[in-house]
Amino acid sequence: MADPDRIGNWFARHMPSRDQIAGHRFSRPFRTHLRRDELWRFTRRSVPRGVAVGLFVGILFLIPGVQIIGAALFALPLRANIPVAAAMTFLTNPLTTPALLVAAAEVGSVFGYRADIASVKAMLARGTPLDQWLAWLVSDAALGILTGLAVIAAASAALGYLVSILVWRWWTARKWRRRALRGETGV
């Protein structure tokens, strides 16, 4: 299993800083809120909230630039950890998005929408003009995929929240055990 400290160090090196996020043109109206310390600390409450927010926003909004800013903005009223929320949006990427869209179409069909992924592939292959994409967006297929994405996003957020609570408890217990062992050996 990967060392949690190594994973944390990797995130610390690769995540945008508080000033970078606060300085982005879309987040300027929220600059004072984004600079609050409580949104950047890793606590047992803020981390699971950040996981849930990041998964929800990352799955529901599949536009890469919108995901990170959206996760940061959704984290504000929920007092979620902003770096964790931003990091969780990276679970949707060019490798996972096609499978996610197929799953969303299947979930949407459960709710009565006829979402056909083959028609989307055909439209992409033939370079369909914008007016036909707009017509597709108001069809049952688009509603099916959007409904499926919303259901998958909500379920993933709930599951991610619960799993992150368990991982946080495991990680904390592991640190306490190591601390206790160091105390027994006198090191």
Protein backbone atom coordinates (compact mmCIF):
# COMPACT_ATOMS: atom_id res chain seq x y z
CA MET A 1 0.00 0.00 0.00
CA ALA A 2 1.21 3.51 -0.79
CA ASP A 3 2.62 5.52 2.08
CA PRO A 4 0.13 8.25 3.07
CA ASP A 5 2.98 10.65 3.83
CA ARG A 6 4.34 10.29 0.28
CA ILE A 7 0.89 10.90 -1.17
CA GLY A 8 0.48 14.01 0.98
CA ASN A 9 3.88 15.30 -0.08
CA TRP A 10 3.03 14.74 -3.75
CA PHE A 11 -0.22 16.72 -3.36
CA ALA A 12 1.64 19.49 -1.54
CA ARG A 13 4.08 19.85 -4.45
CA HIS A 14 1.54 19.69 -7.29
CA MET A 15 -1.55 21.49 -6.00
CA PRO A 16 -2.07 25.16 -6.79
CA SER A 17 -1.36 27.47 -3.89
CA ARG A 18 -3.90 29.52 -2.00
CA ASP A 19 -2.70 32.68 -3.76
CA GLN A 20 -2.88 31.06 -7.20
CA ILE A 21 -6.50 30.03 -6.69
CA ALA A 22 -7.46 33.35 -5.08
CA GLY A 23 -5.76 35.24 -7.91
CA HIS A 24 -7.60 33.43 -10.71
CA ARG A 25 -9.90 35.79 -12.58
CA PHE A 26 -13.01 33.68 -11.92
CA SER A 27 -12.37 33.53 -8.19
CA ARG A 28 -11.58 37.21 -7.59
CA PRO A 29 -15.03 38.02 -6.14
CA PHE A 30 -14.41 35.33 -3.52
CA ARG A 31 -10.80 36.29 -2.78
CA THR A 32 -11.31 37.17 0.90
CA HIS A 33 -13.19 33.93 1.55
CA LEU A 34 -10.60 31.82 -0.27
CA ARG A 35 -7.83 33.13 1.97
CA ARG A 36 -9.42 31.81 5.20
CA ASP A 37 -7.04 29.43 6.95
CA GLU A 38 -9.72 26.92 7.92
CA LEU A 39 -10.28 26.03 4.25
CA TRP A 40 -6.65 25.00 3.80
CA ARG A 41 -6.06 22.95 6.97
CA PHE A 42 -6.25 19.17 6.86
CA THR A 43 -8.68 18.23 9.61
CA ARG A 44 -10.90 15.23 10.19
CA ARG A 45 -13.95 17.24 9.16
CA SER A 46 -12.63 19.34 6.28
CA VAL A 47 -10.90 16.52 4.39
CA PRO A 48 -13.99 14.28 3.95
CA ARG A 49 -15.98 17.35 2.94
CA GLY A 50 -13.30 18.19 0.39
CA VAL A 51 -13.39 14.66 -1.00
CA ALA A 52 -17.16 14.81 -1.37
CA VAL A 53 -17.15 18.26 -2.98
CA GLY A 54 -14.33 17.36 -5.37
CA LEU A 55 -15.98 14.14 -6.50
CA PHE A 56 -19.37 15.77 -6.95
CA VAL A 57 -18.08 18.74 -8.94
CA GLY A 58 -15.52 16.67 -10.87
CA ILE A 59 -18.12 14.21 -12.11
CA LEU A 60 -21.00 16.61 -12.67
CA PHE A 61 -18.97 19.27 -14.50
CA LEU A 62 -16.73 17.51 -16.99
CA ILE A 63 -15.02 20.70 -18.20
CA PRO A 64 -11.42 20.66 -16.88
CA GLY A 65 -10.93 24.36 -16.06
CA VAL A 66 -14.35 24.64 -14.48
CA GLN A 67 -13.83 21.66 -12.19
CA ILE A 68 -11.07 23.06 -9.98
CA ILE A 69 -12.56 26.54 -9.68
CA GLY A 70 -16.02 25.03 -9.13
CA ALA A 71 -14.70 22.72 -6.42
CA ALA A 72 -12.99 25.63 -4.67
CA LEU A 73 -16.15 27.72 -4.79
CA PHE A 74 -18.40 24.87 -3.64
CA ALA A 75 -15.98 24.23 -0.76
CA LEU A 76 -16.50 27.73 0.67
CA PRO A 77 -19.98 27.38 2.20
CA LEU A 78 -19.35 23.76 3.20
CA ARG A 79 -16.04 24.60 4.94
CA ALA A 80 -14.36 21.84 2.96
CA ASN A 81 -10.62 21.56 2.39
CA ILE A 82 -9.95 23.36 -0.90
CA PRO A 83 -6.75 21.48 -1.92
CA VAL A 84 -8.47 18.12 -1.39
CA ALA A 85 -11.55 19.24 -3.30
CA ALA A 86 -9.40 20.43 -6.19
CA ALA A 87 -7.34 17.22 -6.18
CA MET A 88 -10.42 14.99 -6.29
CA THR A 89 -11.54 16.61 -9.55
CA PHE A 90 -8.56 14.95 -11.25
CA LEU A 91 -10.29 11.56 -10.97
CA THR A 92 -12.22 12.56 -14.07
CA ASN A 93 -9.72 12.76 -16.87
CA PRO A 94 -9.53 11.74 -20.54
CA LEU A 95 -9.08 8.10 -19.53
CA THR A 96 -12.07 7.90 -17.18
CA THR A 97 -14.51 10.25 -18.92
CA PRO A 98 -15.66 7.87 -21.69
CA ALA A 99 -16.50 5.14 -19.17
CA LEU A 100 -18.23 7.71 -17.00
CA LEU A 101 -20.37 8.93 -19.90
CA VAL A 102 -21.38 5.37 -20.80
CA ALA A 103 -22.29 4.69 -17.16
CA ALA A 104 -24.23 7.97 -17.02
CA ALA A 105 -26.21 6.96 -20.11
CA GLU A 106 -27.06 3.62 -18.50
CA VAL A 107 -28.10 5.25 -15.23
CA GLY A 108 -30.14 7.84 -17.15
CA SER A 109 -31.96 5.07 -19.01
CA VAL A 110 -33.09 3.70 -15.64
CA PHE A 111 -34.95 6.99 -15.14
CA GLY A 112 -36.72 6.64 -18.49
CA TYR A 113 -34.44 8.72 -20.71
CA ARG A 114 -33.18 7.16 -23.93
CA ALA A 115 -29.49 8.02 -24.01
CA ASP A 116 -27.65 6.57 -26.99
CA ILE A 117 -23.86 6.80 -26.80
CA ALA A 118 -23.51 5.54 -30.38
CA SER A 119 -25.21 8.68 -31.70
CA VAL A 120 -22.77 10.87 -29.73
CA LYS A 121 -19.81 8.96 -31.17
CA ALA A 122 -21.23 9.34 -34.67
CA MET A 123 -21.74 13.08 -34.15
CA LEU A 124 -18.15 13.44 -32.96
CA ALA A 125 -16.80 11.39 -35.87
CA ARG A 126 -18.55 13.39 -38.58
CA GLY A 127 -17.83 16.81 -37.08
CA THR A 128 -21.42 17.77 -36.37
CA PRO A 129 -22.11 21.53 -36.49
CA LEU A 130 -23.12 23.50 -33.41
CA ASP A 131 -26.82 23.75 -34.27
CA GLN A 132 -27.15 19.95 -34.32
CA TRP A 133 -25.31 19.70 -30.97
CA LEU A 134 -27.76 22.22 -29.52
CA ALA A 135 -30.67 20.14 -30.83
CA TRP A 136 -29.11 17.07 -29.23
CA LEU A 137 -28.76 18.93 -25.91
CA VAL A 138 -32.54 19.37 -25.60
CA SER A 139 -33.23 15.74 -26.51
CA ASP A 140 -33.85 12.85 -24.13
CA ALA A 141 -30.30 11.61 -24.71
CA ALA A 142 -28.71 14.69 -23.16
CA LEU A 143 -31.19 14.67 -20.28
CA GLY A 144 -30.40 11.01 -19.69
CA ILE A 145 -26.67 11.61 -19.55
CA LEU A 146 -27.07 14.68 -17.31
CA THR A 147 -29.40 12.78 -14.99
CA GLY A 148 -26.97 9.87 -14.91
CA LEU A 149 -24.04 12.19 -14.17
CA ALA A 150 -25.98 13.83 -11.32
CA VAL A 151 -26.85 10.47 -9.76
CA ILE A 152 -23.30 9.13 -10.15
CA ALA A 153 -21.86 12.39 -8.76
CA ALA A 154 -24.09 12.29 -5.69
CA ALA A 155 -23.41 8.60 -5.04
CA SER A 156 -19.66 9.06 -5.54
CA ALA A 157 -19.60 12.05 -3.20
CA ALA A 158 -21.41 10.11 -0.48
CA LEU A 159 -19.17 7.07 -0.89
CA GLY A 160 -16.03 9.22 -1.03
CA TYR A 161 -17.08 11.01 2.15
CA LEU A 162 -17.51 7.72 4.03
CA VAL A 163 -14.30 6.18 2.69
CA SER A 164 -12.27 9.28 3.53
CA ILE A 165 -13.58 9.22 7.11
CA LEU A 166 -12.42 5.60 7.41
CA VAL A 167 -9.02 6.36 5.85
CA TRP A 168 -8.60 9.37 8.16
CA ARG A 169 -9.31 7.19 11.21
CA TRP A 170 -6.93 4.48 9.98
CA TRP A 171 -4.19 7.04 9.30
CA THR A 172 -4.64 8.68 12.72
CA ALA A 173 -4.60 5.34 14.52
CA ARG A 174 -1.45 4.40 12.60
CA LYS A 175 0.27 7.61 13.71
CA TRP A 176 -0.75 7.02 17.34
CA ARG A 177 0.56 3.43 17.21
CA ARG A 178 3.88 4.61 15.80
CA ARG A 179 4.09 7.31 18.45
CA ALA A 180 3.35 4.77 21.18
CA LEU A 181 6.02 2.38 19.84
CA ARG A 182 8.59 5.17 19.80
CA GLY A 183 7.66 6.00 23.40
CA GLU A 184 8.07 2.37 24.53
CA THR A 185 11.48 1.95 22.92
CA GLY A 186 12.72 5.28 24.25
CA VAL A 187 13.59 6.68 20.81
